[in-house]
Amino acid sequence: MLVLVAPGQGAQTPGFLTPWLDLPGAADRIAAWSDAIGLDLAHYGTKADADEIRDTSVAQPLLVAAGLLSAAALDASPNVVAGHSVGEITAAVLAGVIGDEAALRLVRTRGLAMAEAAAVTETGMAALLGGDPDVSVAHLEKLGLTPANVNGAGQIVAAGTAAQIAALVEDKPEGVRRVVPLKVAGAFHTSHMAPAVDRLREAAAELKPADPAVTYVSNADGKAVATGDEVISRLVGQVASPVRWDLCMETFKELGVTALIEACPGGTLTGLAKRALPGVRTLALKTPDDLDAARALISEHAGA
């Protein structure tokens, strides 16, 4: 059984889209999406520097576009789909809930709204590596921080004000090896993003979602979602709610997933799966050179 997953913000690196644009039709597809949302995705994916693509309003549409482009090149039929943070919008397309252009328009609104919310107060996020989750969460709450991403495999991402993140760096929870500030522009998946929820809800009201054609696992609680309306509702609320990727991976286990492929720019979620899902084959789509190995994996595991 195959799960296809899509990464969230922070997975982007300068120039990561470049090799994908050499695939037949890819440049035209990116150009059409760019026109639809008023953002030059080709420029940002090939020529922009790290600071430019760190901008939330740029990073989010760029990640969804890259995920969709790589999934189209793969031409997979997964049994299960899921996405981390903004990757859930990619997953919604892969499940047949919404179309490509609708997804790009939605994520453009999401990125702009979250960037505006982040500008109100200086906020950020930091990854905690190692330690006991219960101990770490209690420590974060003591510092006024939110466990915004509970990723499993010994990783929690904290979010809050810049001052709170600085306090965390100086005062790590017991057992945590390192605290690593992340290259994101706000405290995502916390109450700091509440203003973005209303903007996104207005944009989502124009969508006409279909029910998922494959199993769609929500990162709000790791549950499979059966209706398109519920998928969209969760996409909206998820902006200001924690990501529970640990629960998604627990669901993958329960479903009997035997292989996991991560859409471009892959790496983060496959790394978590290698530690949390022993025995599950993993593959990250980083460049088109990975497509043949991914297709071979699909032939072995899809439909199993």
C-alpha atoms as a PDB file:
ATOM      1  CA  MET A   1       0.000   0.000   0.000  1.00  0.00           C
ATOM      2  CA  LEU A   2       1.400   3.354  -1.110  1.00  0.00           C
ATOM      3  CA  VAL A   3       1.060   6.778   0.527  1.00  0.00           C
ATOM      4  CA  LEU A   4       2.031   9.923  -1.384  1.00  0.00           C
ATOM      5  CA  VAL A   5       2.849  12.841   0.897  1.00  0.00           C
ATOM      6  CA  ALA A   6       3.599  16.527   0.292  1.00  0.00           C
ATOM      7  CA  PRO A   7       5.996  18.614   2.397  1.00  0.00           C
ATOM      8  CA  GLY A   8       5.322  21.930   4.088  1.00  0.00           C
ATOM      9  CA  GLN A   9       7.006  25.297   4.291  1.00  0.00           C
ATOM     10  CA  GLY A  10      10.727  25.223   4.918  1.00  0.00           C
ATOM     11  CA  ALA A  11      11.364  22.423   2.415  1.00  0.00           C
ATOM     12  CA  GLN A  12      12.132  24.906  -0.383  1.00  0.00           C
ATOM     13  CA  THR A  13      15.718  25.696  -1.426  1.00  0.00           C
ATOM     14  CA  PRO A  14      17.043  28.090  -4.086  1.00  0.00           C
ATOM     15  CA  GLY A  15      16.780  26.695  -7.604  1.00  0.00           C
ATOM     16  CA  PHE A  16      14.981  23.481  -6.607  1.00  0.00           C
ATOM     17  CA  LEU A  17      12.410  23.815  -9.407  1.00  0.00           C
ATOM     18  CA  THR A  18      15.016  24.179 -12.181  1.00  0.00           C
ATOM     19  CA  PRO A  19      15.389  20.523 -13.308  1.00  0.00           C
ATOM     20  CA  TRP A  20      11.641  19.926 -13.246  1.00  0.00           C
ATOM     21  CA  LEU A  21      11.033  22.632 -15.857  1.00  0.00           C
ATOM     22  CA  ASP A  22      12.926  20.559 -18.427  1.00  0.00           C
ATOM     23  CA  LEU A  23      10.160  17.927 -18.410  1.00  0.00           C
ATOM     24  CA  PRO A  24       7.711  18.048 -21.362  1.00  0.00           C
ATOM     25  CA  GLY A  25       4.959  20.581 -20.734  1.00  0.00           C
ATOM     26  CA  ALA A  26       6.233  21.559 -17.270  1.00  0.00           C
ATOM     27  CA  ALA A  27       7.309  25.114 -18.159  1.00  0.00           C
ATOM     28  CA  ASP A  28       3.961  25.801 -19.845  1.00  0.00           C
ATOM     29  CA  ARG A  29       2.084  24.474 -16.841  1.00  0.00           C
ATOM     30  CA  ILE A  30       4.076  26.640 -14.432  1.00  0.00           C
ATOM     31  CA  ALA A  31       3.544  29.670 -16.694  1.00  0.00           C
ATOM     32  CA  ALA A  32      -0.221  29.113 -16.706  1.00  0.00           C
ATOM     33  CA  TRP A  33      -0.335  28.794 -12.924  1.00  0.00           C
ATOM     34  CA  SER A  34       1.817  31.922 -12.601  1.00  0.00           C
ATOM     35  CA  ASP A  35      -0.624  33.893 -14.743  1.00  0.00           C
ATOM     36  CA  ALA A  36      -3.574  32.585 -12.729  1.00  0.00           C
ATOM     37  CA  ILE A  37      -2.200  33.789  -9.374  1.00  0.00           C
ATOM     38  CA  GLY A  38      -0.072  36.772 -10.419  1.00  0.00           C
ATOM     39  CA  LEU A  39       3.209  35.300  -9.195  1.00  0.00           C
ATOM     40  CA  ASP A  40       6.218  34.323 -11.322  1.00  0.00           C
ATOM     41  CA  LEU A  41       6.692  30.783 -10.043  1.00  0.00           C
ATOM     42  CA  ALA A  42       9.427  29.982 -12.566  1.00  0.00           C
ATOM     43  CA  HIS A  43      11.532  32.913 -11.374  1.00  0.00           C
ATOM     44  CA  TYR A  44      11.122  32.085  -7.712  1.00  0.00           C
ATOM     45  CA  GLY A  45      11.760  28.392  -8.272  1.00  0.00           C
ATOM     46  CA  THR A  46      14.891  28.854 -10.370  1.00  0.00           C
ATOM     47  CA  LYS A  47      16.565  32.235  -9.777  1.00  0.00           C
ATOM     48  CA  ALA A  48      15.410  33.629  -6.421  1.00  0.00           C
ATOM     49  CA  ASP A  49      17.658  33.460  -3.384  1.00  0.00           C
ATOM     50  CA  ALA A  50      16.874  31.914  -0.004  1.00  0.00           C
ATOM     51  CA  ASP A  51      15.513  35.141   1.484  1.00  0.00           C
ATOM     52  CA  GLU A  52      13.116  35.699  -1.417  1.00  0.00           C
ATOM     53  CA  ILE A  53      11.614  32.225  -1.206  1.00  0.00           C
ATOM     54  CA  ARG A  54      11.424  32.415   2.581  1.00  0.00           C
ATOM     55  CA  ASP A  55       8.601  34.944   2.106  1.00  0.00           C
ATOM     56  CA  THR A  56       5.433  33.093   3.123  1.00  0.00           C
ATOM     57  CA  SER A  57       3.405  34.552   0.266  1.00  0.00           C
ATOM     58  CA  VAL A  58       5.954  33.126  -2.197  1.00  0.00           C
ATOM     59  CA  ALA A  59       7.002  29.894  -0.489  1.00  0.00           C
ATOM     60  CA  GLN A  60       3.534  28.418  -0.144  1.00  0.00           C
ATOM     61  CA  PRO A  61       2.366  28.638  -3.789  1.00  0.00           C
ATOM     62  CA  LEU A  62       5.842  27.591  -4.917  1.00  0.00           C
ATOM     63  CA  LEU A  63       5.707  24.431  -2.790  1.00  0.00           C
ATOM     64  CA  VAL A  64       2.229  23.464  -3.970  1.00  0.00           C
ATOM     65  CA  ALA A  65       3.190  24.069  -7.610  1.00  0.00           C
ATOM     66  CA  ALA A  66       6.324  21.929  -7.243  1.00  0.00           C
ATOM     67  CA  GLY A  67       4.407  19.152  -5.514  1.00  0.00           C
ATOM     68  CA  LEU A  68       1.764  19.066  -8.217  1.00  0.00           C
ATOM     69  CA  LEU A  69       4.338  19.181 -10.993  1.00  0.00           C
ATOM     70  CA  SER A  70       6.325  16.273  -9.564  1.00  0.00           C
ATOM     71  CA  ALA A  71       3.198  14.214  -8.867  1.00  0.00           C
ATOM     72  CA  ALA A  72       1.998  14.751 -12.435  1.00  0.00           C
ATOM     73  CA  ALA A  73       5.364  13.596 -13.760  1.00  0.00           C
ATOM     74  CA  LEU A  74       5.160  10.542 -11.531  1.00  0.00           C
ATOM     75  CA  ASP A  75       1.617   9.778 -12.725  1.00  0.00           C
ATOM     76  CA  ALA A  76       0.981   7.741  -9.580  1.00  0.00           C
ATOM     77  CA  SER A  77      -2.203   6.217  -8.240  1.00  0.00           C
ATOM     78  CA  PRO A  78      -1.577   6.191  -4.475  1.00  0.00           C
ATOM     79  CA  ASN A  79      -3.838   4.437  -2.009  1.00  0.00           C
ATOM     80  CA  VAL A  80      -3.406   7.214   0.564  1.00  0.00           C
ATOM     81  CA  VAL A  81      -2.447  10.912   0.427  1.00  0.00           C
ATOM     82  CA  ALA A  82      -1.482  13.392   3.120  1.00  0.00           C
ATOM     83  CA  GLY A  83       0.331  16.697   3.420  1.00  0.00           C
ATOM     84  CA  HIS A  84       2.275  18.521   6.089  1.00  0.00           C
ATOM     85  CA  SER A  85       0.928  22.056   6.681  1.00  0.00           C
ATOM     86  CA  VAL A  86       0.531  23.730   3.263  1.00  0.00           C
ATOM     87  CA  GLY A  87       1.223  20.321   1.712  1.00  0.00           C
ATOM     88  CA  GLU A  88      -2.373  19.466   2.598  1.00  0.00           C
ATOM     89  CA  ILE A  89      -3.492  21.625  -0.320  1.00  0.00           C
ATOM     90  CA  THR A  90      -1.295  19.555  -2.631  1.00  0.00           C
ATOM     91  CA  ALA A  91      -2.779  16.410  -1.117  1.00  0.00           C
ATOM     92  CA  ALA A  92      -6.309  17.720  -1.722  1.00  0.00           C
ATOM     93  CA  VAL A  93      -5.536  17.926  -5.440  1.00  0.00           C
ATOM     94  CA  LEU A  94      -3.959  14.468  -5.468  1.00  0.00           C
ATOM     95  CA  ALA A  95      -7.128  13.110  -3.840  1.00  0.00           C
ATOM     96  CA  GLY A  96      -9.318  14.754  -6.484  1.00  0.00           C
ATOM     97  CA  VAL A  97     -10.985  17.153  -4.031  1.00  0.00           C
ATOM     98  CA  ILE A  98     -10.048  20.335  -5.936  1.00  0.00           C
ATOM     99  CA  GLY A  99      -8.314  21.109  -9.231  1.00  0.00           C
ATOM    100  CA  ASP A 100      -4.822  22.456  -9.852  1.00  0.00           C
ATOM    101  CA  GLU A 101      -5.747  26.057 -10.525  1.00  0.00           C
ATOM    102  CA  ALA A 102      -8.231  26.222  -7.647  1.00  0.00           C
ATOM    103  CA  ALA A 103      -5.498  24.923  -5.346  1.00  0.00           C
ATOM    104  CA  LEU A 104      -3.005  27.535  -6.540  1.00  0.00           C
ATOM    105  CA  ARG A 105      -5.534  30.328  -6.051  1.00  0.00           C
ATOM    106  CA  LEU A 106      -6.335  29.056  -2.560  1.00  0.00           C
ATOM    107  CA  VAL A 107      -2.701  28.734  -1.527  1.00  0.00           C
ATOM    108  CA  ARG A 108      -1.934  32.196  -2.896  1.00  0.00           C
ATOM    109  CA  THR A 109      -4.622  33.613  -0.618  1.00  0.00           C
ATOM    110  CA  ARG A 110      -3.338  31.466   2.259  1.00  0.00           C
ATOM    111  CA  GLY A 111       0.236  32.667   1.838  1.00  0.00           C
ATOM    112  CA  LEU A 112      -0.702  36.338   1.623  1.00  0.00           C
ATOM    113  CA  ALA A 113      -3.050  36.124   4.602  1.00  0.00           C
ATOM    114  CA  MET A 114      -0.504  34.304   6.756  1.00  0.00           C
ATOM    115  CA  ALA A 115       2.221  36.761   5.777  1.00  0.00           C
ATOM    116  CA  GLU A 116      -0.023  39.632   6.863  1.00  0.00           C
ATOM    117  CA  ALA A 117      -0.809  37.909  10.151  1.00  0.00           C
ATOM    118  CA  ALA A 118       2.877  37.239  10.754  1.00  0.00           C
ATOM    119  CA  ALA A 119       3.711  40.913  10.220  1.00  0.00           C
ATOM    120  CA  VAL A 120       1.643  41.984  13.234  1.00  0.00           C
ATOM    121  CA  THR A 121       4.120  40.608  15.783  1.00  0.00           C
ATOM    122  CA  GLU A 122       7.684  39.338  15.368  1.00  0.00           C
ATOM    123  CA  THR A 123       7.232  35.579  15.644  1.00  0.00           C
ATOM    124  CA  GLY A 124       9.000  32.407  14.603  1.00  0.00           C
ATOM    125  CA  MET A 125       9.408  28.667  14.971  1.00  0.00           C
ATOM    126  CA  ALA A 126      12.122  26.319  16.194  1.00  0.00           C
ATOM    127  CA  ALA A 127      12.594  22.554  16.022  1.00  0.00           C
ATOM    128  CA  LEU A 128      13.341  20.545  19.150  1.00  0.00           C
ATOM    129  CA  LEU A 129      15.457  17.505  18.423  1.00  0.00           C
ATOM    130  CA  GLY A 130      15.235  14.613  20.855  1.00  0.00           C
ATOM    131  CA  GLY A 131      13.699  14.509  24.303  1.00  0.00           C
ATOM    132  CA  ASP A 132      10.458  13.163  25.700  1.00  0.00           C
ATOM    133  CA  PRO A 133       7.401  14.697  23.977  1.00  0.00           C
ATOM    134  CA  ASP A 134       5.400  15.110  27.182  1.00  0.00           C
ATOM    135  CA  VAL A 135       8.297  16.811  28.960  1.00  0.00           C
ATOM    136  CA  SER A 136       8.957  19.065  25.968  1.00  0.00           C
ATOM    137  CA  VAL A 137       5.330  20.121  25.563  1.00  0.00           C
ATOM    138  CA  ALA A 138       5.050  21.004  29.267  1.00  0.00           C
ATOM    139  CA  HIS A 139       8.238  23.072  28.996  1.00  0.00           C
ATOM    140  CA  LEU A 140       6.965  24.892  25.908  1.00  0.00           C
ATOM    141  CA  GLU A 141       3.714  25.771  27.626  1.00  0.00           C
ATOM    142  CA  LYS A 142       5.675  27.138  30.592  1.00  0.00           C
ATOM    143  CA  LEU A 143       7.479  29.490  28.189  1.00  0.00           C
ATOM    144  CA  GLY A 144       4.222  30.495  26.498  1.00  0.00           C
ATOM    145  CA  LEU A 145       5.076  28.629  23.298  1.00  0.00           C
ATOM    146  CA  THR A 146       2.816  26.381  21.215  1.00  0.00           C
ATOM    147  CA  PRO A 147       3.817  22.886  20.032  1.00  0.00           C
ATOM    148  CA  ALA A 148       2.799  23.864  16.492  1.00  0.00           C
ATOM    149  CA  ASN A 149       4.117  20.744  14.731  1.00  0.00           C
ATOM    150  CA  VAL A 150       4.219  17.431  16.571  1.00  0.00           C
ATOM    151  CA  ASN A 151       6.121  15.512  13.931  1.00  0.00           C
ATOM    152  CA  GLY A 152       6.918  12.234  15.637  1.00  0.00           C
ATOM    153  CA  ALA A 153      10.330  10.542  15.468  1.00  0.00           C
ATOM    154  CA  GLY A 154      11.463  12.699  18.391  1.00  0.00           C
ATOM    155  CA  GLN A 155      10.746  16.053  16.730  1.00  0.00           C
ATOM    156  CA  ILE A 156       8.480  18.876  17.911  1.00  0.00           C
ATOM    157  CA  VAL A 157       8.379  22.352  16.382  1.00  0.00           C
ATOM    158  CA  ALA A 158       7.640  25.194  18.773  1.00  0.00           C
ATOM    159  CA  ALA A 159       6.117  28.506  17.710  1.00  0.00           C
ATOM    160  CA  GLY A 160       5.652  31.863  19.372  1.00  0.00           C
ATOM    161  CA  THR A 161       7.112  35.338  19.617  1.00  0.00           C
ATOM    162  CA  ALA A 162      10.745  36.002  18.810  1.00  0.00           C
ATOM    163  CA  ALA A 163      11.416  36.612  22.504  1.00  0.00           C
ATOM    164  CA  GLN A 164       9.833  33.283  23.441  1.00  0.00           C
ATOM    165  CA  ILE A 165      11.899  31.444  20.820  1.00  0.00           C
ATOM    166  CA  ALA A 166      15.051  33.116  22.134  1.00  0.00           C
ATOM    167  CA  ALA A 167      14.149  32.016  25.671  1.00  0.00           C
ATOM    168  CA  LEU A 168      13.707  28.450  24.426  1.00  0.00           C
ATOM    169  CA  VAL A 169      17.154  28.444  22.812  1.00  0.00           C
ATOM    170  CA  GLU A 170      18.634  29.469  26.164  1.00  0.00           C
ATOM    171  CA  ASP A 171      16.465  27.091  28.191  1.00  0.00           C
ATOM    172  CA  LYS A 172      15.956  23.762  26.402  1.00  0.00           C
ATOM    173  CA  PRO A 173      13.596  21.108  27.772  1.00  0.00           C
ATOM    174  CA  GLU A 174      15.313  18.302  29.623  1.00  0.00           C
ATOM    175  CA  GLY A 175      16.576  15.632  27.211  1.00  0.00           C
ATOM    176  CA  VAL A 176      16.418  17.832  24.085  1.00  0.00           C
ATOM    177  CA  ARG A 177      19.706  17.713  22.175  1.00  0.00           C
ATOM    178  CA  ARG A 178      19.280  20.871  20.124  1.00  0.00           C
ATOM    179  CA  VAL A 179      16.876  23.714  19.428  1.00  0.00           C
ATOM    180  CA  VAL A 180      17.087  24.786  15.774  1.00  0.00           C
ATOM    181  CA  PRO A 181      15.378  28.040  14.699  1.00  0.00           C
ATOM    182  CA  LEU A 182      13.585  27.505  11.378  1.00  0.00           C
ATOM    183  CA  LYS A 183      13.683  29.644   8.247  1.00  0.00           C
ATOM    184  CA  VAL A 184      10.015  30.561   8.323  1.00  0.00           C
ATOM    185  CA  ALA A 185       8.472  33.987   8.669  1.00  0.00           C
ATOM    186  CA  GLY A 186       5.957  33.496  11.465  1.00  0.00           C
ATOM    187  CA  ALA A 187       4.411  31.391  14.207  1.00  0.00           C
ATOM    188  CA  PHE A 188       2.335  29.201  11.935  1.00  0.00           C
ATOM    189  CA  HIS A 189      -0.353  26.882  13.297  1.00  0.00           C
ATOM    190  CA  THR A 190      -0.877  29.017  16.390  1.00  0.00           C
ATOM    191  CA  SER A 191      -3.323  31.694  17.540  1.00  0.00           C
ATOM    192  CA  HIS A 192      -1.040  34.264  15.869  1.00  0.00           C
ATOM    193  CA  MET A 193      -2.508  33.064  12.554  1.00  0.00           C
ATOM    194  CA  ALA A 194      -6.149  33.536  13.566  1.00  0.00           C
ATOM    195  CA  PRO A 195      -6.627  36.587  11.268  1.00  0.00           C
ATOM    196  CA  ALA A 196      -5.664  34.425   8.278  1.00  0.00           C
ATOM    197  CA  VAL A 197      -8.409  31.892   8.991  1.00  0.00           C
ATOM    198  CA  ASP A 198     -11.207  34.325   8.131  1.00  0.00           C
ATOM    199  CA  ARG A 199      -9.512  35.322   4.855  1.00  0.00           C
ATOM    200  CA  LEU A 200      -9.058  31.715   3.884  1.00  0.00           C
ATOM    201  CA  ARG A 201     -12.622  30.806   4.817  1.00  0.00           C
ATOM    202  CA  GLU A 202     -13.921  33.486   2.428  1.00  0.00           C
ATOM    203  CA  ALA A 203     -11.749  32.153  -0.398  1.00  0.00           C
ATOM    204  CA  ALA A 204     -12.715  28.542   0.321  1.00  0.00           C
ATOM    205  CA  ALA A 205     -16.425  29.388   0.157  1.00  0.00           C
ATOM    206  CA  GLU A 206     -16.064  29.736  -3.620  1.00  0.00           C
ATOM    207  CA  LEU A 207     -14.785  26.174  -4.048  1.00  0.00           C
ATOM    208  CA  LYS A 208     -16.915  23.227  -5.144  1.00  0.00           C
ATOM    209  CA  PRO A 209     -15.010  20.289  -3.672  1.00  0.00           C
ATOM    210  CA  ALA A 210     -15.500  16.649  -4.617  1.00  0.00           C
ATOM    211  CA  ASP A 211     -15.193  13.825  -2.123  1.00  0.00           C
ATOM    212  CA  PRO A 212     -11.704  12.266  -1.956  1.00  0.00           C
ATOM    213  CA  ALA A 213     -11.153   9.523  -4.518  1.00  0.00           C
ATOM    214  CA  VAL A 214      -8.477   7.925  -2.318  1.00  0.00           C
ATOM    215  CA  THR A 215      -7.894   7.902   1.444  1.00  0.00           C
ATOM    216  CA  TYR A 216      -7.118  11.459   2.567  1.00  0.00           C
ATOM    217  CA  VAL A 217      -5.434  11.696   5.970  1.00  0.00           C
ATOM    218  CA  SER A 218      -5.791  15.035   7.756  1.00  0.00           C
ATOM    219  CA  ASN A 219      -2.878  16.371   9.773  1.00  0.00           C
ATOM    220  CA  ALA A 220      -5.238  17.977  12.257  1.00  0.00           C
ATOM    221  CA  ASP A 221      -5.684  14.639  14.029  1.00  0.00           C
ATOM    222  CA  GLY A 222      -4.407  11.916  11.716  1.00  0.00           C
ATOM    223  CA  LYS A 223      -7.951  10.862  10.781  1.00  0.00           C
ATOM    224  CA  ALA A 224      -9.104   9.860   7.318  1.00  0.00           C
ATOM    225  CA  VAL A 225     -11.603  12.391   5.940  1.00  0.00           C
ATOM    226  CA  ALA A 226     -14.437  11.132   3.735  1.00  0.00           C
ATOM    227  CA  THR A 227     -16.027  14.288   2.288  1.00  0.00           C
ATOM    228  CA  GLY A 228     -14.718  17.175   0.240  1.00  0.00           C
ATOM    229  CA  ASP A 229     -16.484  19.733   2.408  1.00  0.00           C
ATOM    230  CA  GLU A 230     -14.723  18.389   5.499  1.00  0.00           C
ATOM    231  CA  VAL A 231     -11.356  18.443   3.722  1.00  0.00           C
ATOM    232  CA  ILE A 232     -11.809  22.126   2.891  1.00  0.00           C
ATOM    233  CA  SER A 233     -13.037  22.954   6.393  1.00  0.00           C
ATOM    234  CA  ARG A 234      -9.916  21.368   7.850  1.00  0.00           C
ATOM    235  CA  LEU A 235      -7.660  23.168   5.363  1.00  0.00           C
ATOM    236  CA  VAL A 236      -9.059  26.457   6.625  1.00  0.00           C
ATOM    237  CA  GLY A 237      -8.872  25.754  10.359  1.00  0.00           C
ATOM    238  CA  GLN A 238      -5.482  24.071  10.101  1.00  0.00           C
ATOM    239  CA  VAL A 239      -3.770  27.426   9.511  1.00  0.00           C
ATOM    240  CA  ALA A 240      -4.154  28.300  13.211  1.00  0.00           C
ATOM    241  CA  SER A 241      -4.084  24.757  14.645  1.00  0.00           C
ATOM    242  CA  PRO A 242      -1.154  22.423  15.370  1.00  0.00           C
ATOM    243  CA  VAL A 243       0.024  19.898  12.788  1.00  0.00           C
ATOM    244  CA  ARG A 244      -0.081  16.352  14.153  1.00  0.00           C
ATOM    245  CA  TRP A 245       2.132  14.531  11.687  1.00  0.00           C
ATOM    246  CA  ASP A 246       2.866  11.959  14.384  1.00  0.00           C
ATOM    247  CA  LEU A 247      -0.796  10.916  14.266  1.00  0.00           C
ATOM    248  CA  CYS A 248      -0.729  10.795  10.464  1.00  0.00           C
ATOM    249  CA  MET A 249       2.129   8.308  10.615  1.00  0.00           C
ATOM    250  CA  GLU A 250       0.229   6.256  13.183  1.00  0.00           C
ATOM    251  CA  THR A 251      -2.672   6.112  10.729  1.00  0.00           C
ATOM    252  CA  PHE A 252      -0.320   5.030   7.940  1.00  0.00           C
ATOM    253  CA  LYS A 253       0.688   2.107  10.175  1.00  0.00           C
ATOM    254  CA  GLU A 254      -2.938   1.203  10.894  1.00  0.00           C
ATOM    255  CA  LEU A 255      -3.806   1.315   7.187  1.00  0.00           C
ATOM    256  CA  GLY A 256      -0.962  -1.054   6.377  1.00  0.00           C
ATOM    257  CA  VAL A 257       1.135   1.374   4.324  1.00  0.00           C
ATOM    258  CA  THR A 258       4.236  -0.357   2.955  1.00  0.00           C
ATOM    259  CA  ALA A 259       5.794   2.471   0.924  1.00  0.00           C
ATOM    260  CA  LEU A 260       5.918   6.279   1.179  1.00  0.00           C
ATOM    261  CA  ILE A 261       6.859   8.680  -1.620  1.00  0.00           C
ATOM    262  CA  GLU A 262       7.338  12.372  -0.865  1.00  0.00           C
ATOM    263  CA  ALA A 263       6.564  14.897  -3.601  1.00  0.00           C
ATOM    264  CA  CYS A 264       9.082  17.581  -4.563  1.00  0.00           C
ATOM    265  CA  PRO A 265      10.904  19.097  -2.716  1.00  0.00           C
ATOM    266  CA  GLY A 266      11.138  15.816  -0.845  1.00  0.00           C
ATOM    267  CA  GLY A 267      13.326  14.909   2.080  1.00  0.00           C
ATOM    268  CA  THR A 268      11.778  16.147   5.313  1.00  0.00           C
ATOM    269  CA  LEU A 269       8.870  13.720   5.583  1.00  0.00           C
ATOM    270  CA  THR A 270      10.842  10.744   4.324  1.00  0.00           C
ATOM    271  CA  GLY A 271      13.397  11.480   7.044  1.00  0.00           C
ATOM    272  CA  LEU A 272      10.671  11.341   9.689  1.00  0.00           C
ATOM    273  CA  ALA A 273       9.217   8.161   8.188  1.00  0.00           C
ATOM    274  CA  LYS A 274      12.566   6.385   8.221  1.00  0.00           C
ATOM    275  CA  ARG A 275      12.707   6.837  11.991  1.00  0.00           C
ATOM    276  CA  ALA A 276       9.026   6.378  12.844  1.00  0.00           C
ATOM    277  CA  LEU A 277       7.916   3.769  10.285  1.00  0.00           C
ATOM    278  CA  PRO A 278      10.503   0.974  10.292  1.00  0.00           C
ATOM    279  CA  GLY A 279       9.962  -1.473   7.476  1.00  0.00           C
ATOM    280  CA  VAL A 280       8.194   1.078   5.254  1.00  0.00           C
ATOM    281  CA  ARG A 281      10.061   1.817   2.013  1.00  0.00           C
ATOM    282  CA  THR A 282      10.609   5.546   1.469  1.00  0.00           C
ATOM    283  CA  LEU A 283      11.620   7.713  -1.465  1.00  0.00           C
ATOM    284  CA  ALA A 284      11.899  11.496  -1.814  1.00  0.00           C
ATOM    285  CA  LEU A 285      11.342  13.218  -5.156  1.00  0.00           C
ATOM    286  CA  LYS A 286      14.133  15.800  -5.280  1.00  0.00           C
ATOM    287  CA  THR A 287      14.830  15.893  -9.016  1.00  0.00           C
ATOM    288  CA  PRO A 288      13.390  14.110 -12.065  1.00  0.00           C
ATOM    289  CA  ASP A 289      16.245  11.635 -11.711  1.00  0.00           C
ATOM    290  CA  ASP A 290      14.243  10.100  -8.852  1.00  0.00           C
ATOM    291  CA  LEU A 291      11.194   9.337 -10.997  1.00  0.00           C
ATOM    292  CA  ASP A 292      12.265   5.929 -12.300  1.00  0.00           C
ATOM    293  CA  ALA A 293      13.000   4.608  -8.818  1.00  0.00           C
ATOM    294  CA  ALA A 294       9.664   6.020  -7.617  1.00  0.00           C
ATOM    295  CA  ARG A 295       7.783   4.305 -10.443  1.00  0.00           C
ATOM    296  CA  ALA A 296       9.448   1.029  -9.577  1.00  0.00           C
ATOM    297  CA  LEU A 297       8.365   1.471  -5.962  1.00  0.00           C
ATOM    298  CA  ILE A 298       4.815   2.201  -7.079  1.00  0.00           C
ATOM    299  CA  SER A 299       4.670  -0.944  -9.178  1.00  0.00           C
ATOM    300  CA  GLU A 300       5.644  -2.976  -6.125  1.00  0.00           C
ATOM    301  CA  HIS A 301       3.384  -1.333  -3.541  1.00  0.00           C
ATOM    302  CA  ALA A 302       0.431   0.594  -5.020  1.00  0.00           C
ATOM    303  CA  GLY A 303      -2.739  -1.388  -4.607  1.00  0.00           C
ATOM    304  CA  ALA A 304      -1.127  -3.820  -2.200  1.00  0.00           C
END
